Amino acid sequence: MKVLIPSSLLSYTGTNWVEAEGATLAELLDHLDRHYPGIRFRIVDEQNRMRAHMRFFVNSEQTFRLDHPLGPTDQVLLVQALSGG
């Protein structure tokens, strides 16, 4: 499936769109980390929770669950929320 990588993580992938596999978001993140070591820790914290500044969209629908099921033709968007003032 196609995964959109936020610009803040392009130093890991070198490109905005990558291909990845996984039956859930957690498996997809594990797959990404095998191919781009260290990227998972920038997305998920030590307690295996999504970092507060990250947002996940599967087929344009936001999800907060790492156990969210995925299909082979799904499109996953990893979006970094902006903050500040």
N, C-alpha and C. Protein backbone atom coordinates (compact mmCIF):
# COMPACT_ATOMS: atom_id res chain seq x y z
N MET A 1 0.84 -1.17 0.00
CA MET A 1 0.00 0.00 0.00
C MET A 1 0.88 1.23 0.00
N LYS A 2 0.32 2.35 -0.39
CA LYS A 2 1.07 3.60 -0.46
C LYS A 2 0.94 4.34 0.87
N VAL A 3 2.08 4.92 1.29
CA VAL A 3 2.13 5.66 2.54
C VAL A 3 2.75 7.03 2.27
N LEU A 4 2.05 8.09 2.68
CA LEU A 4 2.57 9.45 2.56
C LEU A 4 3.38 9.75 3.81
N ILE A 5 4.62 10.16 3.60
CA ILE A 5 5.54 10.48 4.69
C ILE A 5 5.58 12.01 4.85
N PRO A 6 5.43 12.51 6.09
CA PRO A 6 5.49 13.97 6.27
C PRO A 6 6.90 14.50 5.99
N SER A 7 6.98 15.75 5.60
CA SER A 7 8.27 16.33 5.21
C SER A 7 9.29 16.27 6.35
N SER A 8 8.83 16.30 7.59
CA SER A 8 9.76 16.24 8.72
C SER A 8 10.49 14.89 8.82
N LEU A 9 9.98 13.87 8.15
CA LEU A 9 10.59 12.54 8.21
C LEU A 9 11.24 12.13 6.89
N LEU A 10 11.36 13.05 5.96
CA LEU A 10 11.95 12.73 4.66
C LEU A 10 13.43 12.35 4.76
N SER A 11 14.08 12.75 5.85
CA SER A 11 15.48 12.36 6.02
C SER A 11 15.62 10.85 6.16
N TYR A 12 14.54 10.17 6.55
CA TYR A 12 14.54 8.71 6.66
C TYR A 12 14.29 8.04 5.31
N THR A 13 13.31 8.57 4.55
CA THR A 13 12.87 7.89 3.34
C THR A 13 13.43 8.49 2.05
N GLY A 14 13.69 9.78 2.06
CA GLY A 14 14.17 10.46 0.86
C GLY A 14 13.09 10.75 -0.16
N THR A 15 11.85 10.38 0.14
CA THR A 15 10.73 10.60 -0.78
C THR A 15 9.44 10.71 0.01
N ASN A 16 8.45 11.40 -0.57
CA ASN A 16 7.17 11.60 0.11
C ASN A 16 6.30 10.35 0.16
N TRP A 17 6.36 9.53 -0.87
CA TRP A 17 5.52 8.34 -0.95
C TRP A 17 6.38 7.10 -0.93
N VAL A 18 6.01 6.14 -0.08
CA VAL A 18 6.71 4.85 -0.02
C VAL A 18 5.69 3.73 -0.07
N GLU A 19 6.14 2.55 -0.40
CA GLU A 19 5.30 1.35 -0.37
C GLU A 19 5.58 0.62 0.94
N ALA A 20 4.54 0.10 1.57
CA ALA A 20 4.71 -0.65 2.81
C ALA A 20 3.62 -1.72 2.89
N GLU A 21 3.82 -2.65 3.83
CA GLU A 21 2.87 -3.75 4.04
C GLU A 21 2.51 -3.82 5.50
N GLY A 22 1.36 -4.42 5.77
CA GLY A 22 0.93 -4.67 7.14
C GLY A 22 -0.57 -4.83 7.20
N ALA A 23 -1.03 -5.70 8.09
CA ALA A 23 -2.47 -5.92 8.26
C ALA A 23 -3.08 -4.88 9.19
N THR A 24 -2.23 -4.17 9.95
CA THR A 24 -2.67 -3.10 10.86
C THR A 24 -1.69 -1.94 10.75
N LEU A 25 -2.06 -0.81 11.33
CA LEU A 25 -1.14 0.32 11.36
C LEU A 25 0.15 -0.04 12.10
N ALA A 26 0.03 -0.78 13.19
CA ALA A 26 1.22 -1.19 13.95
C ALA A 26 2.16 -2.01 13.07
N GLU A 27 1.63 -2.95 12.32
CA GLU A 27 2.46 -3.76 11.43
C GLU A 27 3.08 -2.91 10.32
N LEU A 28 2.31 -1.97 9.81
CA LEU A 28 2.82 -1.07 8.78
C LEU A 28 4.00 -0.27 9.33
N LEU A 29 3.89 0.25 10.56
CA LEU A 29 4.98 1.01 11.17
C LEU A 29 6.21 0.13 11.39
N ASP A 30 6.00 -1.12 11.78
CA ASP A 30 7.12 -2.05 11.92
C ASP A 30 7.81 -2.28 10.58
N HIS A 31 7.02 -2.42 9.52
CA HIS A 31 7.57 -2.61 8.18
C HIS A 31 8.38 -1.38 7.77
N LEU A 32 7.84 -0.19 8.01
CA LEU A 32 8.57 1.02 7.69
C LEU A 32 9.89 1.08 8.45
N ASP A 33 9.85 0.70 9.73
CA ASP A 33 11.06 0.77 10.55
C ASP A 33 12.13 -0.21 10.09
N ARG A 34 11.72 -1.35 9.55
CA ARG A 34 12.70 -2.30 9.02
C ARG A 34 13.41 -1.73 7.79
N HIS A 35 12.68 -0.95 6.99
CA HIS A 35 13.25 -0.37 5.78
C HIS A 35 13.89 0.99 6.02
N TYR A 36 13.39 1.71 7.03
CA TYR A 36 13.90 3.06 7.35
C TYR A 36 14.14 3.11 8.86
N PRO A 37 15.23 2.50 9.33
CA PRO A 37 15.48 2.39 10.77
C PRO A 37 15.38 3.71 11.51
N GLY A 38 14.62 3.68 12.62
CA GLY A 38 14.44 4.85 13.47
C GLY A 38 13.18 5.64 13.20
N ILE A 39 12.52 5.41 12.06
CA ILE A 39 11.35 6.22 11.72
C ILE A 39 10.17 5.95 12.67
N ARG A 40 10.02 4.71 13.11
CA ARG A 40 8.89 4.36 13.97
C ARG A 40 8.91 5.15 15.28
N PHE A 41 10.10 5.31 15.87
CA PHE A 41 10.21 6.03 17.13
C PHE A 41 9.83 7.50 16.99
N ARG A 42 9.93 8.05 15.81
CA ARG A 42 9.50 9.43 15.58
C ARG A 42 7.98 9.53 15.45
N ILE A 43 7.31 8.39 15.26
CA ILE A 43 5.86 8.36 15.06
C ILE A 43 5.14 7.83 16.30
N VAL A 44 5.75 6.85 16.98
CA VAL A 44 5.14 6.18 18.14
C VAL A 44 6.12 6.29 19.31
N ASP A 45 5.60 6.53 20.52
CA ASP A 45 6.48 6.71 21.68
C ASP A 45 6.84 5.39 22.36
N GLU A 46 7.52 5.49 23.51
CA GLU A 46 8.00 4.31 24.24
C GLU A 46 6.88 3.44 24.78
N GLN A 47 5.70 4.03 24.99
CA GLN A 47 4.54 3.28 25.48
C GLN A 47 3.68 2.75 24.33
N ASN A 48 4.23 2.77 23.13
CA ASN A 48 3.54 2.28 21.93
C ASN A 48 2.26 3.07 21.65
N ARG A 49 2.31 4.38 21.91
CA ARG A 49 1.20 5.28 21.62
C ARG A 49 1.63 6.25 20.53
N MET A 50 0.67 6.64 19.70
CA MET A 50 0.96 7.63 18.67
C MET A 50 1.41 8.92 19.34
N ARG A 51 2.45 9.50 18.81
CA ARG A 51 2.92 10.78 19.36
C ARG A 51 1.86 11.85 19.14
N ALA A 52 1.80 12.79 20.08
CA ALA A 52 0.74 13.81 20.07
C ALA A 52 0.73 14.65 18.79
N HIS A 53 1.88 14.84 18.17
CA HIS A 53 1.95 15.69 16.99
C HIS A 53 1.70 14.94 15.68
N MET A 54 1.47 13.63 15.76
CA MET A 54 1.23 12.84 14.55
C MET A 54 -0.26 12.55 14.37
N ARG A 55 -0.70 12.52 13.13
CA ARG A 55 -2.07 12.15 12.79
C ARG A 55 -2.00 11.08 11.71
N PHE A 56 -2.95 10.14 11.78
CA PHE A 56 -3.00 9.02 10.85
C PHE A 56 -4.33 9.03 10.11
N PHE A 57 -4.25 8.90 8.80
CA PHE A 57 -5.45 8.82 7.97
C PHE A 57 -5.34 7.58 7.09
N VAL A 58 -6.39 6.79 7.08
CA VAL A 58 -6.47 5.63 6.22
C VAL A 58 -7.61 5.88 5.25
N ASN A 59 -7.28 5.97 3.97
CA ASN A 59 -8.29 6.29 2.95
C ASN A 59 -9.07 7.54 3.32
N SER A 60 -8.35 8.57 3.72
CA SER A 60 -8.89 9.90 4.06
C SER A 60 -9.69 9.93 5.36
N GLU A 61 -9.70 8.85 6.12
CA GLU A 61 -10.43 8.81 7.39
C GLU A 61 -9.44 8.74 8.54
N GLN A 62 -9.56 9.70 9.49
CA GLN A 62 -8.61 9.74 10.60
C GLN A 62 -8.84 8.58 11.57
N THR A 63 -7.74 8.03 12.07
CA THR A 63 -7.82 6.97 13.06
C THR A 63 -6.78 7.22 14.15
N PHE A 64 -7.08 6.76 15.35
CA PHE A 64 -6.16 6.91 16.48
C PHE A 64 -5.72 5.54 16.99
N ARG A 65 -6.07 4.49 16.28
CA ARG A 65 -5.81 3.12 16.74
C ARG A 65 -4.68 2.48 15.94
N LEU A 66 -3.67 1.99 16.64
CA LEU A 66 -2.60 1.27 15.97
C LEU A 66 -3.06 -0.10 15.48
N ASP A 67 -4.17 -0.60 16.04
CA ASP A 67 -4.70 -1.88 15.58
C ASP A 67 -5.71 -1.71 14.44
N HIS A 68 -5.79 -0.51 13.88
CA HIS A 68 -6.70 -0.24 12.76
C HIS A 68 -6.33 -1.18 11.61
N PRO A 69 -7.30 -1.96 11.11
CA PRO A 69 -7.00 -2.91 10.02
C PRO A 69 -6.71 -2.19 8.70
N LEU A 70 -5.83 -2.78 7.93
CA LEU A 70 -5.46 -2.24 6.62
C LEU A 70 -5.61 -3.29 5.55
N GLY A 71 -5.94 -2.83 4.35
CA GLY A 71 -6.02 -3.70 3.18
C GLY A 71 -4.90 -3.36 2.21
N PRO A 72 -4.60 -4.24 1.27
CA PRO A 72 -3.47 -4.04 0.36
C PRO A 72 -3.61 -2.82 -0.56
N THR A 73 -4.82 -2.35 -0.79
CA THR A 73 -5.00 -1.19 -1.66
C THR A 73 -5.26 0.10 -0.89
N ASP A 74 -5.18 0.06 0.44
CA ASP A 74 -5.41 1.25 1.25
C ASP A 74 -4.30 2.28 1.03
N GLN A 75 -4.65 3.52 1.29
CA GLN A 75 -3.68 4.61 1.25
C GLN A 75 -3.58 5.18 2.66
N VAL A 76 -2.38 5.27 3.19
CA VAL A 76 -2.16 5.74 4.55
C VAL A 76 -1.40 7.06 4.48
N LEU A 77 -1.93 8.05 5.18
CA LEU A 77 -1.28 9.35 5.26
C LEU A 77 -0.79 9.56 6.68
N LEU A 78 0.50 9.79 6.83
CA LEU A 78 1.09 10.17 8.11
C LEU A 78 1.27 11.67 8.05
N VAL A 79 0.60 12.39 8.94
CA VAL A 79 0.59 13.84 8.90
C VAL A 79 1.11 14.37 10.22
N GLN A 80 2.00 15.34 10.15
CA GLN A 80 2.50 15.96 11.36
C GLN A 80 1.69 17.21 11.62
N ALA A 81 1.07 17.27 12.81
CA ALA A 81 0.28 18.43 13.19
C ALA A 81 1.21 19.60 13.48
N LEU A 82 0.76 20.80 13.16
CA LEU A 82 1.53 22.00 13.44
C LEU A 82 1.07 22.61 14.74
N SER A 83 2.00 23.20 15.46
CA SER A 83 1.63 23.88 16.70
C SER A 83 2.46 25.15 16.80
N GLY A 84 2.10 25.95 17.75
CA GLY A 84 2.83 27.20 17.94
C GLY A 84 1.88 28.39 17.89
N GLY A 85 2.42 29.53 17.92
CA GLY A 85 1.55 30.70 17.93
C GLY A 85 2.23 31.93 17.46
